[in-house]
PDB file of N, CA and C in Angstrom:
ATOM      1  N   UNK A   1      -8.543   4.793  -7.624  1.00  0.00           N
ATOM      2  CA  UNK A   1      -8.993   4.231  -6.246  1.00  0.00           C
ATOM      3  C   UNK A   1      -7.698   4.328  -5.312  1.00  0.00           C
ATOM      4  N   UNK A   2      -7.591   4.237  -4.309  1.00  0.00           N
ATOM      5  CA  UNK A   2      -6.444   3.630  -3.724  1.00  0.00           C
ATOM      6  C   UNK A   2      -6.416   2.198  -2.738  1.00  0.00           C
ATOM      7  N   UNK A   3      -4.703   1.939  -3.049  1.00  0.00           N
ATOM      8  CA  UNK A   3      -4.594   0.790  -2.569  1.00  0.00           C
ATOM      9  C   UNK A   3      -3.663   0.462  -1.687  1.00  0.00           C
ATOM     10  N   UNK A   4      -3.558  -0.186  -0.302  1.00  0.00           N
ATOM     11  CA  UNK A   4      -2.454  -0.740   0.276  1.00  0.00           C
ATOM     12  C   UNK A   4      -1.468  -1.819  -0.497  1.00  0.00           C
ATOM     13  N   UNK A   5      -0.567  -1.678  -0.282  1.00  0.00           N
ATOM     14  CA  UNK A   5       0.641  -3.243  -0.318  1.00  0.00           C
ATOM     15  C   UNK A   5       0.257  -3.928   0.684  1.00  0.00           C
ATOM     16  N   UNK A   6      -0.764  -5.112   0.971  1.00  0.00           N
ATOM     17  CA  UNK A   6      -0.453  -5.735   1.885  1.00  0.00           C
ATOM     18  C   UNK A   6       1.077  -7.267   2.743  1.00  0.00           C
ATOM     19  N   UNK A   7       0.874  -7.474   0.696  1.00  0.00           N
ATOM     20  CA  UNK A   7       2.224  -8.536   1.142  1.00  0.00           C
ATOM     21  C   UNK A   7       2.694  -8.672  -0.266  1.00  0.00           C
ATOM     22  N   UNK A   8       3.711  -9.741  -0.586  1.00  0.00           N
ATOM     23  CA  UNK A   8       3.987 -10.500  -1.396  1.00  0.00           C
ATOM     24  C   UNK A   8       3.733 -11.757  -1.838  1.00  0.00           C
ATOM     25  N   UNK A   9       4.053 -11.944  -2.773  1.00  0.00           N
ATOM     26  CA  UNK A   9       2.969 -13.831  -3.000  1.00  0.00           C
ATOM     27  C   UNK A   9       3.488 -13.869  -4.456  1.00  0.00           C
ATOM     28  N   UNK A  10       4.626 -14.576  -4.072  1.00  0.00           N
ATOM     29  CA  UNK A  10       4.974 -14.835  -5.802  1.00  0.00           C
ATOM     30  C   UNK A  10       5.579 -13.701  -6.650  1.00  0.00           C
ATOM     31  N   UNK A  11       4.550 -13.734  -7.645  1.00  0.00           N
ATOM     32  CA  UNK A  11       4.881 -12.695  -9.421  1.00  0.00           C
ATOM     33  C   UNK A  11       3.843 -11.756  -8.611  1.00  0.00           C
ATOM     34  N   UNK A  12       2.798 -11.773  -7.922  1.00  0.00           N
ATOM     35  CA  UNK A  12       1.960 -10.608  -7.234  1.00  0.00           C
ATOM     36  C   UNK A  12       1.916 -10.317  -6.075  1.00  0.00           C
ATOM     37  N   UNK A  13       1.362  -8.899  -5.818  1.00  0.00           N
ATOM     38  CA  UNK A  13       0.887  -8.227  -4.203  1.00  0.00           C
ATOM     39  C   UNK A  13      -0.300  -7.929  -4.250  1.00  0.00           C
ATOM     40  N   UNK A  14      -0.604  -8.581  -3.691  1.00  0.00           N
ATOM     41  CA  UNK A  14      -1.324  -8.263  -2.488  1.00  0.00           C
ATOM     42  C   UNK A  14      -1.928  -7.221  -1.954  1.00  0.00           C
ATOM     43  N   UNK A  15      -3.370  -6.945  -2.799  1.00  0.00           N
ATOM     44  CA  UNK A  15      -3.442  -5.305  -2.617  1.00  0.00           C
ATOM     45  C   UNK A  15      -4.858  -5.463  -1.588  1.00  0.00           C
ATOM     46  N   UNK A  16      -4.646  -4.433  -0.975  1.00  0.00           N
ATOM     47  CA  UNK A  16      -6.241  -3.690   0.473  1.00  0.00           C
ATOM     48  C   UNK A  16      -6.528  -2.728  -0.663  1.00  0.00           C
ATOM     49  N   UNK A  17      -7.547  -2.866  -1.063  1.00  0.00           N
ATOM     50  CA  UNK A  17      -8.912  -1.613  -1.808  1.00  0.00           C
ATOM     51  C   UNK A  17      -9.036  -1.204  -0.823  1.00  0.00           C
ATOM     52  N   UNK A  18     -10.396   0.078  -0.614  1.00  0.00           N
ATOM     53  CA  UNK A  18     -10.813   0.924   0.183  1.00  0.00           C
ATOM     54  C   UNK A  18     -11.756   0.590   0.754  1.00  0.00           C
ATOM     55  N   UNK A  19     -12.418  -0.823   0.289  1.00  0.00           N
ATOM     56  CA  UNK A  19     -13.025  -1.026   0.878  1.00  0.00           C
ATOM     57  C   UNK A  19     -13.031  -2.637   1.644  1.00  0.00           C
ATOM     58  N   UNK A  20     -11.944  -2.459   2.329  1.00  0.00           N
ATOM     59  CA  UNK A  20     -11.628  -3.668   2.916  1.00  0.00           C
ATOM     60  C   UNK A  20     -11.287  -5.135   1.841  1.00  0.00           C
ATOM     61  N   UNK A  21     -11.963  -4.942   0.424  1.00  0.00           N
ATOM     62  CA  UNK A  21     -11.400  -6.080  -0.203  1.00  0.00           C
ATOM     63  C   UNK A  21      -9.912  -6.575  -1.323  1.00  0.00           C
ATOM     64  N   UNK A  22      -9.510  -7.290  -1.245  1.00  0.00           N
ATOM     65  CA  UNK A  22      -8.441  -7.822  -1.155  1.00  0.00           C
ATOM     66  C   UNK A  22      -8.255  -7.969  -3.050  1.00  0.00           C
ATOM     67  N   UNK A  23      -7.179  -7.639  -3.352  1.00  0.00           N
ATOM     68  CA  UNK A  23      -7.047  -7.589  -4.917  1.00  0.00           C
ATOM     69  C   UNK A  23      -5.431  -8.517  -5.131  1.00  0.00           C
ATOM     70  N   UNK A  24      -5.007  -8.680  -6.537  1.00  0.00           N
ATOM     71  CA  UNK A  24      -3.625  -9.054  -6.866  1.00  0.00           C
ATOM     72  C   UNK A  24      -3.721  -8.348  -7.642  1.00  0.00           C
ATOM     73  N   UNK A  25      -1.813  -8.164  -7.804  1.00  0.00           N
ATOM     74  CA  UNK A  25      -1.670  -6.861  -9.254  1.00  0.00           C
ATOM     75  C   UNK A  25      -0.336  -7.175  -8.972  1.00  0.00           C
ATOM     76  N   UNK A  26       0.068  -7.856 -10.451  1.00  0.00           N
ATOM     77  CA  UNK A  26       1.448  -8.256 -10.789  1.00  0.00           C
ATOM     78  C   UNK A  26       2.143  -7.717 -10.746  1.00  0.00           C
ATOM     79  N   UNK A  27       3.638  -8.084 -10.143  1.00  0.00           N
ATOM     80  CA  UNK A  27       4.357  -7.153  -8.996  1.00  0.00           C
ATOM     81  C   UNK A  27       5.697  -5.988 -10.313  1.00  0.00           C
ATOM     82  N   UNK A  28       5.158  -6.893 -11.759  1.00  0.00           N
ATOM     83  CA  UNK A  28       5.817  -5.953 -12.818  1.00  0.00           C
ATOM     84  C   UNK A  28       5.566  -5.105 -13.145  1.00  0.00           C
ATOM     85  N   UNK A  29       3.950  -4.935 -12.666  1.00  0.00           N
ATOM     86  CA  UNK A  29       2.675  -3.710 -13.205  1.00  0.00           C
ATOM     87  C   UNK A  29       2.865  -2.417 -12.438  1.00  0.00           C
ATOM     88  N   UNK A  30       3.976  -2.898 -10.974  1.00  0.00           N
ATOM     89  CA  UNK A  30       4.255  -2.046 -10.050  1.00  0.00           C
ATOM     90  C   UNK A  30       5.691  -1.270 -10.239  1.00  0.00           C
ATOM     91  N   UNK A  31       5.782   0.195  -9.437  1.00  0.00           N
ATOM     92  CA  UNK A  31       7.100   0.392  -9.299  1.00  0.00           C
ATOM     93  C   UNK A  31       8.050  -0.559  -8.580  1.00  0.00           C
ATOM     94  N   UNK A  32       9.494  -0.456  -9.329  1.00  0.00           N
ATOM     95  CA  UNK A  32      10.692  -1.217  -8.439  1.00  0.00           C
ATOM     96  C   UNK A  32      10.507  -0.878  -6.520  1.00  0.00           C
ATOM     97  N   UNK A  33      10.574  -0.130  -6.962  1.00  0.00           N
ATOM     98  CA  UNK A  33      10.891   0.402  -5.516  1.00  0.00           C
ATOM     99  C   UNK A  33       9.814  -0.187  -4.499  1.00  0.00           C
ATOM    100  N   UNK A  34       8.733  -0.357  -4.952  1.00  0.00           N
ATOM    101  CA  UNK A  34       7.272  -0.671  -4.313  1.00  0.00           C
ATOM    102  C   UNK A  34       7.473  -1.606  -2.823  1.00  0.00           C
ATOM    103  N   UNK A  35       6.804  -1.281  -1.774  1.00  0.00           N
ATOM    104  CA  UNK A  35       7.210  -1.813  -0.283  1.00  0.00           C
ATOM    105  C   UNK A  35       5.695  -2.263   0.340  1.00  0.00           C
ATOM    106  N   UNK A  36       5.808  -3.392   1.154  1.00  0.00           N
ATOM    107  CA  UNK A  36       4.981  -3.135   1.929  1.00  0.00           C
ATOM    108  C   UNK A  36       4.655  -2.087   2.905  1.00  0.00           C
ATOM    109  N   UNK A  37       3.084  -1.906   2.697  1.00  0.00           N
ATOM    110  CA  UNK A  37       2.450  -0.871   2.903  1.00  0.00           C
ATOM    111  C   UNK A  37       2.649   0.544   2.546  1.00  0.00           C
ATOM    112  N   UNK A  38       3.259   0.521   1.516  1.00  0.00           N
ATOM    113  CA  UNK A  38       2.804   1.349   0.705  1.00  0.00           C
ATOM    114  C   UNK A  38       1.464   1.416   0.176  1.00  0.00           C
ATOM    115  N   UNK A  39       0.900   2.986   0.007  1.00  0.00           N
ATOM    116  CA  UNK A  39      -0.268   3.031  -0.455  1.00  0.00           C
ATOM    117  C   UNK A  39      -0.108   3.775  -2.213  1.00  0.00           C
ATOM    118  N   UNK A  40      -0.897   3.384  -2.800  1.00  0.00           N
ATOM    119  CA  UNK A  40      -0.588   3.328  -4.240  1.00  0.00           C
ATOM    120  C   UNK A  40      -2.141   3.771  -5.127  1.00  0.00           C
ATOM    121  N   UNK A  41      -2.133   4.093  -6.158  1.00  0.00           N
ATOM    122  CA  UNK A  41      -3.095   4.802  -7.606  1.00  0.00           C
ATOM    123  C   UNK A  41      -3.107   4.424  -8.666  1.00  0.00           C
ATOM    124  N   UNK A  42      -3.951   3.797  -9.260  1.00  0.00           N
ATOM    125  CA  UNK A  42      -3.880   4.169 -10.579  1.00  0.00           C
ATOM    126  C   UNK A  42      -3.954   5.488 -11.505  1.00  0.00           C
ATOM    127  N   UNK A  43      -3.444   5.641 -12.421  1.00  0.00           N
ATOM    128  CA  UNK A  43      -2.927   6.862 -12.748  1.00  0.00           C
ATOM    129  C   UNK A  43      -3.104   6.454 -14.717  1.00  0.00           C
ATOM    130  N   UNK A  44      -4.199   6.322 -15.410  1.00  0.00           N
ATOM    131  CA  UNK A  44      -3.782   5.835 -16.477  1.00  0.00           C
ATOM    132  C   UNK A  44      -2.766   4.667 -17.045  1.00  0.00           C
ATOM    133  N   UNK A  45      -3.387   3.348 -16.415  1.00  0.00           N
ATOM    134  CA  UNK A  45      -3.333   2.198 -16.378  1.00  0.00           C
ATOM    135  C   UNK A  45      -1.744   2.061 -15.830  1.00  0.00           C
ATOM    136  N   UNK A  46      -1.312   3.372 -14.991  1.00  0.00           N
ATOM    137  CA  UNK A  46       0.483   3.121 -14.338  1.00  0.00           C
ATOM    138  C   UNK A  46       0.071   3.553 -13.002  1.00  0.00           C
ATOM    139  N   UNK A  47       0.338   2.069 -12.032  1.00  0.00           N
ATOM    140  CA  UNK A  47       0.630   2.441 -10.604  1.00  0.00           C
ATOM    141  C   UNK A  47       1.168   3.463 -10.301  1.00  0.00           C
ATOM    142  N   UNK A  48       1.040   4.188  -9.288  1.00  0.00           N
ATOM    143  CA  UNK A  48       1.916   5.187  -9.046  1.00  0.00           C
ATOM    144  C   UNK A  48       1.907   5.402  -7.413  1.00  0.00           C
ATOM    145  N   UNK A  49       3.034   5.245  -6.324  1.00  0.00           N
ATOM    146  CA  UNK A  49       3.242   5.469  -5.430  1.00  0.00           C
ATOM    147  C   UNK A  49       2.834   6.437  -4.615  1.00  0.00           C
ATOM    148  N   UNK A  50       1.777   6.805  -3.486  1.00  0.00           N
ATOM    149  CA  UNK A  50       1.304   8.156  -3.217  1.00  0.00           C
ATOM    150  C   UNK A  50       1.862   8.304  -1.623  1.00  0.00           C
ATOM    151  N   UNK A  51       3.181   8.629  -2.116  1.00  0.00           N
ATOM    152  CA  UNK A  51       4.141   8.936  -0.959  1.00  0.00           C
ATOM    153  C   UNK A  51       3.630   9.596  -0.066  1.00  0.00           C
ATOM    154  N   UNK A  52       3.075  10.700   0.246  1.00  0.00           N
ATOM    155  CA  UNK A  52       2.112  12.092   1.221  1.00  0.00           C
ATOM    156  C   UNK A  52       0.997  10.856   1.859  1.00  0.00           C
ATOM    157  N   UNK A  53       0.012   9.592   1.533  1.00  0.00           N
ATOM    158  CA  UNK A  53      -0.472   9.255   1.714  1.00  0.00           C
ATOM    159  C   UNK A  53       0.303   8.097   2.809  1.00  0.00           C
ATOM    160  N   UNK A  54       1.457   7.400   2.044  1.00  0.00           N
ATOM    161  CA  UNK A  54       1.973   6.289   2.276  1.00  0.00           C
ATOM    162  C   UNK A  54       2.731   7.091   3.807  1.00  0.00           C
ATOM    163  N   UNK A  55       3.068   8.465   3.695  1.00  0.00           N
ATOM    164  CA  UNK A  55       3.625   8.880   5.272  1.00  0.00           C
ATOM    165  C   UNK A  55       2.915   9.106   6.293  1.00  0.00           C
ATOM    166  N   UNK A  56       1.366   9.811   5.858  1.00  0.00           N
ATOM    167  CA  UNK A  56       0.915   9.758   6.644  1.00  0.00           C
ATOM    168  C   UNK A  56       0.197   8.348   7.404  1.00  0.00           C
ATOM    169  N   UNK A  57      -0.158   7.450   7.140  1.00  0.00           N
ATOM    170  CA  UNK A  57      -0.739   5.960   7.428  1.00  0.00           C
ATOM    171  C   UNK A  57       0.917   5.736   7.587  1.00  0.00           C
ATOM    172  N   UNK A  58       2.013   6.088   7.512  1.00  0.00           N
ATOM    173  CA  UNK A  58       2.754   5.155   8.713  1.00  0.00           C
ATOM    174  C   UNK A  58       2.389   5.790   9.833  1.00  0.00           C
ATOM    175  N   UNK A  59       2.858   7.054  10.348  1.00  0.00           N
ATOM    176  CA  UNK A  59       2.503   7.969  10.877  1.00  0.00           C
ATOM    177  C   UNK A  59       1.502   7.483  12.027  1.00  0.00           C
ATOM    178  N   UNK A  60       0.535   7.129  11.617  1.00  0.00           N
ATOM    179  CA  UNK A  60      -0.733   6.760  12.314  1.00  0.00           C
ATOM    180  C   UNK A  60      -0.324   5.746  13.105  1.00  0.00           C
ATOM    181  N   UNK A  61      -0.032   5.218  12.042  1.00  0.00           N
ATOM    182  CA  UNK A  61      -0.198   3.699  12.528  1.00  0.00           C
ATOM    183  C   UNK A  61       1.747   3.875  14.138  1.00  0.00           C
ATOM    184  N   UNK A  62       1.858   4.209  13.403  1.00  0.00           N
ATOM    185  CA  UNK A  62       3.209   4.249  15.060  1.00  0.00           C
ATOM    186  C   UNK A  62       2.772   4.812  16.264  1.00  0.00           C
ATOM    187  N   UNK A  63       1.933   6.413  15.722  1.00  0.00           N
ATOM    188  CA  UNK A  63       1.297   7.195  16.829  1.00  0.00           C
ATOM    189  C   UNK A  63       0.469   5.942  17.518  1.00  0.00           C
ATOM    190  N   UNK A  64      -0.851   5.225  17.017  1.00  0.00           N
ATOM    191  CA  UNK A  64      -1.489   4.308  17.465  1.00  0.00           C
ATOM    192  C   UNK A  64      -0.819   3.062  18.563  1.00  0.00           C
ATOM    193  N   UNK A  65       0.619   2.297  18.037  1.00  0.00           N
ATOM    194  CA  UNK A  65       1.228   1.333  18.623  1.00  0.00           C
ATOM    195  C   UNK A  65       2.360   2.044  19.428  1.00  0.00           C
ATOM    196  N   UNK A  66       2.408   3.790  19.724  1.00  0.00           N
ATOM    197  CA  UNK A  66       2.932   4.322  21.028  1.00  0.00           C
ATOM    198  C   UNK A  66       1.951   4.266  22.311  1.00  0.00           C
ATOM    199  N   UNK A  67       0.904   4.481  21.314  1.00  0.00           N
ATOM    200  CA  UNK A  67       0.008   4.599  22.640  1.00  0.00           C
ATOM    201  C   UNK A  67      -0.869   3.534  23.095  1.00  0.00           C
ATOM    202  N   UNK A  68      -0.718   1.858  22.014  1.00  0.00           N
ATOM    203  CA  UNK A  68      -0.765   1.363  22.722  1.00  0.00           C
ATOM    204  C   UNK A  68       0.376   0.770  24.341  1.00  0.00           C
ATOM    205  N   UNK A  69       1.300   1.780  23.934  1.00  0.00           N
ATOM    206  CA  UNK A  69       2.348   1.510  25.681  1.00  0.00           C
ATOM    207  C   UNK A  69       2.881   2.550  26.235  1.00  0.00           C
ATOM    208  N   UNK A  70       1.842   3.069  26.358  1.00  0.00           N
ATOM    209  CA  UNK A  70       1.679   4.799  26.681  1.00  0.00           C
ATOM    210  C   UNK A  70       0.654   4.227  28.517  1.00  0.00           C
TER     211      UNK A  70
END
């Protein structure tokens, strides 16, 4: 299951699931370098940043914004 880091609130990361529902994950369970917008997945109890998916998502968002102004 892929999750997107939506925001941070206190000691939690608020994450959007693929079905658009939200879940809270304690920040201490996530990689130190995690930031808003990162795509993560769980593997054997560890959360891992999906760099390829994060980059793809960021590029798609940038293209949508660019197309709004053209």
